[in-house]
Amino acid sequence: MESRLPTGGRATDRAVLMSIAFCAAGCTPHRIPPPNLTFDGLPVSGTLAFAKKHGFVNCFGDPISMRCRRPGIMFQGKGPYEAAVDLVGSDGNGGFDHLVVWKEDDQMAVQDVGDALERNGWTVCITGHDDVGDQEIYTRPDRRLTVSIDISYWAMRRLRLFPQWQKPKPAC
């Protein structure tokens, strides 16, 4: 004889689906978007509308966050690169607080930006210890942002721009 467990019927199935939907909606983070900030014509922080105004219109997300990408950007006269902003909230309502830049087919390409920054008076320091570096951190007293370039051998090399109010000054 076949044994069957009760399924609870349509009402139970609907209740389970509604609970999942409410949890997903309740899990979406909410925050006031950071102030709009640009550097070299690119958005570093701000609202979804600000990112879209700067060409970051290829957006996709999940219940917690949204990423908007833009191909073919130039930065400090170098590129073209890929770039993205990561927004808080499934609808991007919490804005973004950094910009990520990379080149799909050339791990070392973002290093050209570091060289250009140094030529323009930015100071560089390297995090990590001994001969094992992790990040090159670029700062300049008259700029309200920090530029970080991954230099780890195993990592995908990317460049990130952070408003100075968003991250503490790195210990180099």
C-alpha atoms as a PDB file:
ATOM      1  CA  MET A   1       0.000   0.000   0.000  1.00  0.00           C
ATOM      2  CA  GLU A   2       1.294   3.440  -0.941  1.00  0.00           C
ATOM      3  CA  SER A   3       1.968   5.945   1.858  1.00  0.00           C
ATOM      4  CA  ARG A   4       1.219   9.620   1.232  1.00  0.00           C
ATOM      5  CA  LEU A   5       1.835  12.647   3.370  1.00  0.00           C
ATOM      6  CA  PRO A   6      -0.793  15.369   3.340  1.00  0.00           C
ATOM      7  CA  THR A   7       0.230  18.398   1.276  1.00  0.00           C
ATOM      8  CA  GLY A   8      -2.060  20.846   2.969  1.00  0.00           C
ATOM      9  CA  GLY A   9      -3.828  21.864  -0.204  1.00  0.00           C
ATOM     10  CA  ARG A  10      -3.827  25.094  -2.183  1.00  0.00           C
ATOM     11  CA  ALA A  11      -4.363  27.336   0.831  1.00  0.00           C
ATOM     12  CA  THR A  12      -1.192  26.039   2.520  1.00  0.00           C
ATOM     13  CA  ASP A  13       0.852  26.320  -0.698  1.00  0.00           C
ATOM     14  CA  ARG A  14      -0.344  29.905  -1.179  1.00  0.00           C
ATOM     15  CA  ALA A  15       0.525  30.764   2.442  1.00  0.00           C
ATOM     16  CA  VAL A  16       4.042  29.416   1.992  1.00  0.00           C
ATOM     17  CA  LEU A  17       4.531  31.416  -1.215  1.00  0.00           C
ATOM     18  CA  MET A  18       3.184  34.572   0.421  1.00  0.00           C
ATOM     19  CA  SER A  19       5.552  34.104   3.391  1.00  0.00           C
ATOM     20  CA  ILE A  20       8.510  33.789   1.038  1.00  0.00           C
ATOM     21  CA  ALA A  21       7.438  36.918  -0.864  1.00  0.00           C
ATOM     22  CA  PHE A  22       7.009  38.955   2.334  1.00  0.00           C
ATOM     23  CA  CYS A  23      10.404  37.796   3.604  1.00  0.00           C
ATOM     24  CA  ALA A  24      12.056  38.763   0.331  1.00  0.00           C
ATOM     25  CA  ALA A  25      10.381  42.176   0.412  1.00  0.00           C
ATOM     26  CA  GLY A  26      11.341  42.657   4.060  1.00  0.00           C
ATOM     27  CA  CYS A  27      14.935  41.673   3.373  1.00  0.00           C
ATOM     28  CA  THR A  28      15.491  44.536   0.937  1.00  0.00           C
ATOM     29  CA  PRO A  29      17.830  47.020   2.630  1.00  0.00           C
ATOM     30  CA  HIS A  30      16.720  50.625   2.876  1.00  0.00           C
ATOM     31  CA  ARG A  31      19.041  53.595   3.343  1.00  0.00           C
ATOM     32  CA  ILE A  32      19.282  57.172   2.227  1.00  0.00           C
ATOM     33  CA  PRO A  33      21.450  57.290  -0.910  1.00  0.00           C
ATOM     34  CA  PRO A  34      24.883  58.869  -0.496  1.00  0.00           C
ATOM     35  CA  PRO A  35      25.538  62.304  -2.016  1.00  0.00           C
ATOM     36  CA  ASN A  36      26.225  62.431  -5.755  1.00  0.00           C
ATOM     37  CA  LEU A  37      29.963  62.598  -6.474  1.00  0.00           C
ATOM     38  CA  THR A  38      31.853  62.338  -9.761  1.00  0.00           C
ATOM     39  CA  PHE A  39      35.509  62.121 -10.657  1.00  0.00           C
ATOM     40  CA  ASP A  40      36.921  62.304 -14.173  1.00  0.00           C
ATOM     41  CA  GLY A  41      33.361  62.277 -15.533  1.00  0.00           C
ATOM     42  CA  LEU A  42      32.379  59.044 -13.752  1.00  0.00           C
ATOM     43  CA  PRO A  43      29.958  58.608 -10.854  1.00  0.00           C
ATOM     44  CA  VAL A  44      31.641  57.563  -7.597  1.00  0.00           C
ATOM     45  CA  SER A  45      28.580  57.725  -5.317  1.00  0.00           C
ATOM     46  CA  GLY A  46      24.939  58.728  -5.543  1.00  0.00           C
ATOM     47  CA  THR A  47      21.483  57.637  -6.590  1.00  0.00           C
ATOM     48  CA  LEU A  48      20.311  55.204  -9.246  1.00  0.00           C
ATOM     49  CA  ALA A  49      19.088  58.142 -11.358  1.00  0.00           C
ATOM     50  CA  PHE A  50      22.562  59.723 -11.093  1.00  0.00           C
ATOM     51  CA  ALA A  51      24.217  56.463 -12.243  1.00  0.00           C
ATOM     52  CA  LYS A  52      21.800  56.148 -15.169  1.00  0.00           C
ATOM     53  CA  LYS A  53      22.432  59.787 -16.138  1.00  0.00           C
ATOM     54  CA  HIS A  54      26.111  58.804 -16.494  1.00  0.00           C
ATOM     55  CA  GLY A  55      25.331  55.828 -18.753  1.00  0.00           C
ATOM     56  CA  PHE A  56      25.108  53.011 -16.190  1.00  0.00           C
ATOM     57  CA  VAL A  57      21.869  51.616 -17.619  1.00  0.00           C
ATOM     58  CA  ASN A  58      22.546  47.873 -17.930  1.00  0.00           C
ATOM     59  CA  CYS A  59      21.123  46.928 -14.510  1.00  0.00           C
ATOM     60  CA  PHE A  60      20.336  43.600 -12.885  1.00  0.00           C
ATOM     61  CA  GLY A  61      19.700  42.606  -9.298  1.00  0.00           C
ATOM     62  CA  ASP A  62      18.490  40.276  -6.612  1.00  0.00           C
ATOM     63  CA  PRO A  63      16.291  40.859  -3.527  1.00  0.00           C
ATOM     64  CA  ILE A  64      19.130  42.699  -1.742  1.00  0.00           C
ATOM     65  CA  SER A  65      21.134  44.650  -4.314  1.00  0.00           C
ATOM     66  CA  MET A  66      21.429  45.874  -7.878  1.00  0.00           C
ATOM     67  CA  ARG A  67      24.452  46.262 -10.170  1.00  0.00           C
ATOM     68  CA  CYS A  68      24.487  48.696 -13.080  1.00  0.00           C
ATOM     69  CA  ARG A  69      27.231  48.378 -15.685  1.00  0.00           C
ATOM     70  CA  ARG A  70      28.642  50.515 -18.439  1.00  0.00           C
ATOM     71  CA  PRO A  71      31.102  49.314 -21.089  1.00  0.00           C
ATOM     72  CA  GLY A  72      33.723  51.358 -22.879  1.00  0.00           C
ATOM     73  CA  ILE A  73      34.574  53.924 -20.206  1.00  0.00           C
ATOM     74  CA  MET A  74      37.755  55.965 -20.271  1.00  0.00           C
ATOM     75  CA  PHE A  75      39.437  56.892 -17.001  1.00  0.00           C
ATOM     76  CA  GLN A  76      42.444  59.197 -16.630  1.00  0.00           C
ATOM     77  CA  GLY A  77      42.877  59.003 -20.407  1.00  0.00           C
ATOM     78  CA  LYS A  78      43.180  55.207 -20.319  1.00  0.00           C
ATOM     79  CA  GLY A  79      40.822  52.471 -21.445  1.00  0.00           C
ATOM     80  CA  PRO A  80      38.383  51.440 -22.632  1.00  0.00           C
ATOM     81  CA  TYR A  81      37.319  49.600 -19.475  1.00  0.00           C
ATOM     82  CA  GLU A  82      34.194  48.039 -18.041  1.00  0.00           C
ATOM     83  CA  ALA A  83      32.680  49.776 -15.009  1.00  0.00           C
ATOM     84  CA  ALA A  84      29.917  49.082 -12.505  1.00  0.00           C
ATOM     85  CA  VAL A  85      28.163  50.607  -9.518  1.00  0.00           C
ATOM     86  CA  ASP A  86      26.671  48.379  -6.815  1.00  0.00           C
ATOM     87  CA  LEU A  87      23.442  49.775  -5.397  1.00  0.00           C
ATOM     88  CA  VAL A  88      21.705  48.911  -2.136  1.00  0.00           C
ATOM     89  CA  GLY A  89      18.167  47.504  -2.467  1.00  0.00           C
ATOM     90  CA  SER A  90      16.599  45.385  -5.177  1.00  0.00           C
ATOM     91  CA  ASP A  91      15.366  48.576  -6.857  1.00  0.00           C
ATOM     92  CA  GLY A  92      18.596  50.517  -6.194  1.00  0.00           C
ATOM     93  CA  ASN A  93      16.799  52.823  -3.733  1.00  0.00           C
ATOM     94  CA  GLY A  94      19.801  52.992  -1.385  1.00  0.00           C
ATOM     95  CA  GLY A  95      22.184  54.314  -4.003  1.00  0.00           C
ATOM     96  CA  PHE A  96      25.850  53.383  -4.394  1.00  0.00           C
ATOM     97  CA  ASP A  97      29.034  54.335  -2.555  1.00  0.00           C
ATOM     98  CA  HIS A  98      31.843  53.244  -4.873  1.00  0.00           C
ATOM     99  CA  LEU A  99      32.727  52.601  -8.518  1.00  0.00           C
ATOM    100  CA  VAL A 100      34.463  49.462  -9.835  1.00  0.00           C
ATOM    101  CA  VAL A 101      36.563  49.470 -13.035  1.00  0.00           C
ATOM    102  CA  TRP A 102      38.212  46.500 -14.784  1.00  0.00           C
ATOM    103  CA  LYS A 103      39.247  45.117 -18.174  1.00  0.00           C
ATOM    104  CA  GLU A 104      37.880  41.680 -19.039  1.00  0.00           C
ATOM    105  CA  ASP A 105      40.774  40.459 -21.158  1.00  0.00           C
ATOM    106  CA  ASP A 106      43.762  42.241 -19.564  1.00  0.00           C
ATOM    107  CA  GLN A 107      44.469  41.878 -15.845  1.00  0.00           C
ATOM    108  CA  MET A 108      47.210  44.522 -15.905  1.00  0.00           C
ATOM    109  CA  ALA A 109      45.305  47.225 -17.832  1.00  0.00           C
ATOM    110  CA  VAL A 110      44.085  49.095 -14.734  1.00  0.00           C
ATOM    111  CA  GLN A 111      47.706  49.596 -13.692  1.00  0.00           C
ATOM    112  CA  ASP A 112      47.942  52.199 -16.475  1.00  0.00           C
ATOM    113  CA  VAL A 113      45.536  54.326 -14.431  1.00  0.00           C
ATOM    114  CA  GLY A 114      47.798  54.052 -11.378  1.00  0.00           C
ATOM    115  CA  ASP A 115      50.727  55.306 -13.453  1.00  0.00           C
ATOM    116  CA  ALA A 116      48.614  58.234 -14.717  1.00  0.00           C
ATOM    117  CA  LEU A 117      47.502  59.111 -11.175  1.00  0.00           C
ATOM    118  CA  GLU A 118      51.116  59.188  -9.958  1.00  0.00           C
ATOM    119  CA  ARG A 119      52.079  61.479 -12.864  1.00  0.00           C
ATOM    120  CA  ASN A 120      49.237  63.782 -11.750  1.00  0.00           C
ATOM    121  CA  GLY A 121      50.488  64.141  -8.173  1.00  0.00           C
ATOM    122  CA  TRP A 122      48.685  61.300  -6.394  1.00  0.00           C
ATOM    123  CA  THR A 123      50.575  59.525  -3.601  1.00  0.00           C
ATOM    124  CA  VAL A 124      50.625  55.732  -3.616  1.00  0.00           C
ATOM    125  CA  CYS A 125      51.104  53.312  -0.757  1.00  0.00           C
ATOM    126  CA  ILE A 126      50.886  49.514  -0.755  1.00  0.00           C
ATOM    127  CA  THR A 127      48.959  47.529   1.817  1.00  0.00           C
ATOM    128  CA  GLY A 128      50.096  44.088   2.934  1.00  0.00           C
ATOM    129  CA  HIS A 129      53.359  43.037   4.563  1.00  0.00           C
ATOM    130  CA  ASP A 130      56.923  42.215   3.494  1.00  0.00           C
ATOM    131  CA  ASP A 131      56.919  41.466  -0.239  1.00  0.00           C
ATOM    132  CA  VAL A 132      53.248  40.492  -0.316  1.00  0.00           C
ATOM    133  CA  GLY A 133      51.209  43.439  -1.547  1.00  0.00           C
ATOM    134  CA  ASP A 134      47.458  43.495  -1.621  1.00  0.00           C
ATOM    135  CA  GLN A 135      46.328  46.945  -2.794  1.00  0.00           C
ATOM    136  CA  GLU A 136      47.855  50.085  -4.196  1.00  0.00           C
ATOM    137  CA  ILE A 137      46.064  52.986  -2.510  1.00  0.00           C
ATOM    138  CA  TYR A 138      46.174  56.374  -4.252  1.00  0.00           C
ATOM    139  CA  THR A 139      45.328  59.599  -2.412  1.00  0.00           C
ATOM    140  CA  ARG A 140      45.703  63.296  -3.033  1.00  0.00           C
ATOM    141  CA  PRO A 141      44.953  65.953  -0.384  1.00  0.00           C
ATOM    142  CA  ASP A 142      42.804  68.078  -2.693  1.00  0.00           C
ATOM    143  CA  ARG A 143      40.552  65.164  -3.775  1.00  0.00           C
ATOM    144  CA  ARG A 144      37.582  63.765  -1.868  1.00  0.00           C
ATOM    145  CA  LEU A 145      38.213  60.175  -2.897  1.00  0.00           C
ATOM    146  CA  THR A 146      40.582  57.244  -2.664  1.00  0.00           C
ATOM    147  CA  VAL A 147      41.556  55.021  -5.596  1.00  0.00           C
ATOM    148  CA  SER A 148      42.407  51.398  -4.852  1.00  0.00           C
ATOM    149  CA  ILE A 149      43.981  48.978  -7.363  1.00  0.00           C
ATOM    150  CA  ASP A 150      44.194  45.248  -6.659  1.00  0.00           C
ATOM    151  CA  ILE A 151      47.737  43.945  -7.076  1.00  0.00           C
ATOM    152  CA  SER A 152      47.385  40.469  -5.616  1.00  0.00           C
ATOM    153  CA  TYR A 153      48.687  37.838  -8.013  1.00  0.00           C
ATOM    154  CA  TRP A 154      45.640  35.583  -7.664  1.00  0.00           C
ATOM    155  CA  ALA A 155      42.891  38.194  -7.632  1.00  0.00           C
ATOM    156  CA  MET A 156      40.999  39.696 -10.536  1.00  0.00           C
ATOM    157  CA  ARG A 157      42.673  43.058 -10.857  1.00  0.00           C
ATOM    158  CA  ARG A 158      40.166  45.829 -10.492  1.00  0.00           C
ATOM    159  CA  LEU A 159      40.278  49.485  -9.677  1.00  0.00           C
ATOM    160  CA  ARG A 160      37.833  50.950  -7.166  1.00  0.00           C
ATOM    161  CA  LEU A 161      37.020  54.555  -6.342  1.00  0.00           C
ATOM    162  CA  PHE A 162      35.737  55.332  -2.842  1.00  0.00           C
ATOM    163  CA  PRO A 163      34.597  58.694  -1.482  1.00  0.00           C
ATOM    164  CA  GLN A 164      36.835  59.553   1.461  1.00  0.00           C
ATOM    165  CA  TRP A 165      33.838  59.800   3.778  1.00  0.00           C
ATOM    166  CA  GLN A 166      32.976  56.177   2.975  1.00  0.00           C
ATOM    167  CA  LYS A 167      36.242  54.443   3.934  1.00  0.00           C
ATOM    168  CA  PRO A 168      38.794  55.243   6.617  1.00  0.00           C
ATOM    169  CA  LYS A 169      42.241  56.274   5.410  1.00  0.00           C
ATOM    170  CA  PRO A 170      44.250  53.097   4.752  1.00  0.00           C
ATOM    171  CA  ALA A 171      47.136  52.205   7.024  1.00  0.00           C
ATOM    172  CA  CYS A 172      50.163  52.049   4.707  1.00  0.00           C
END
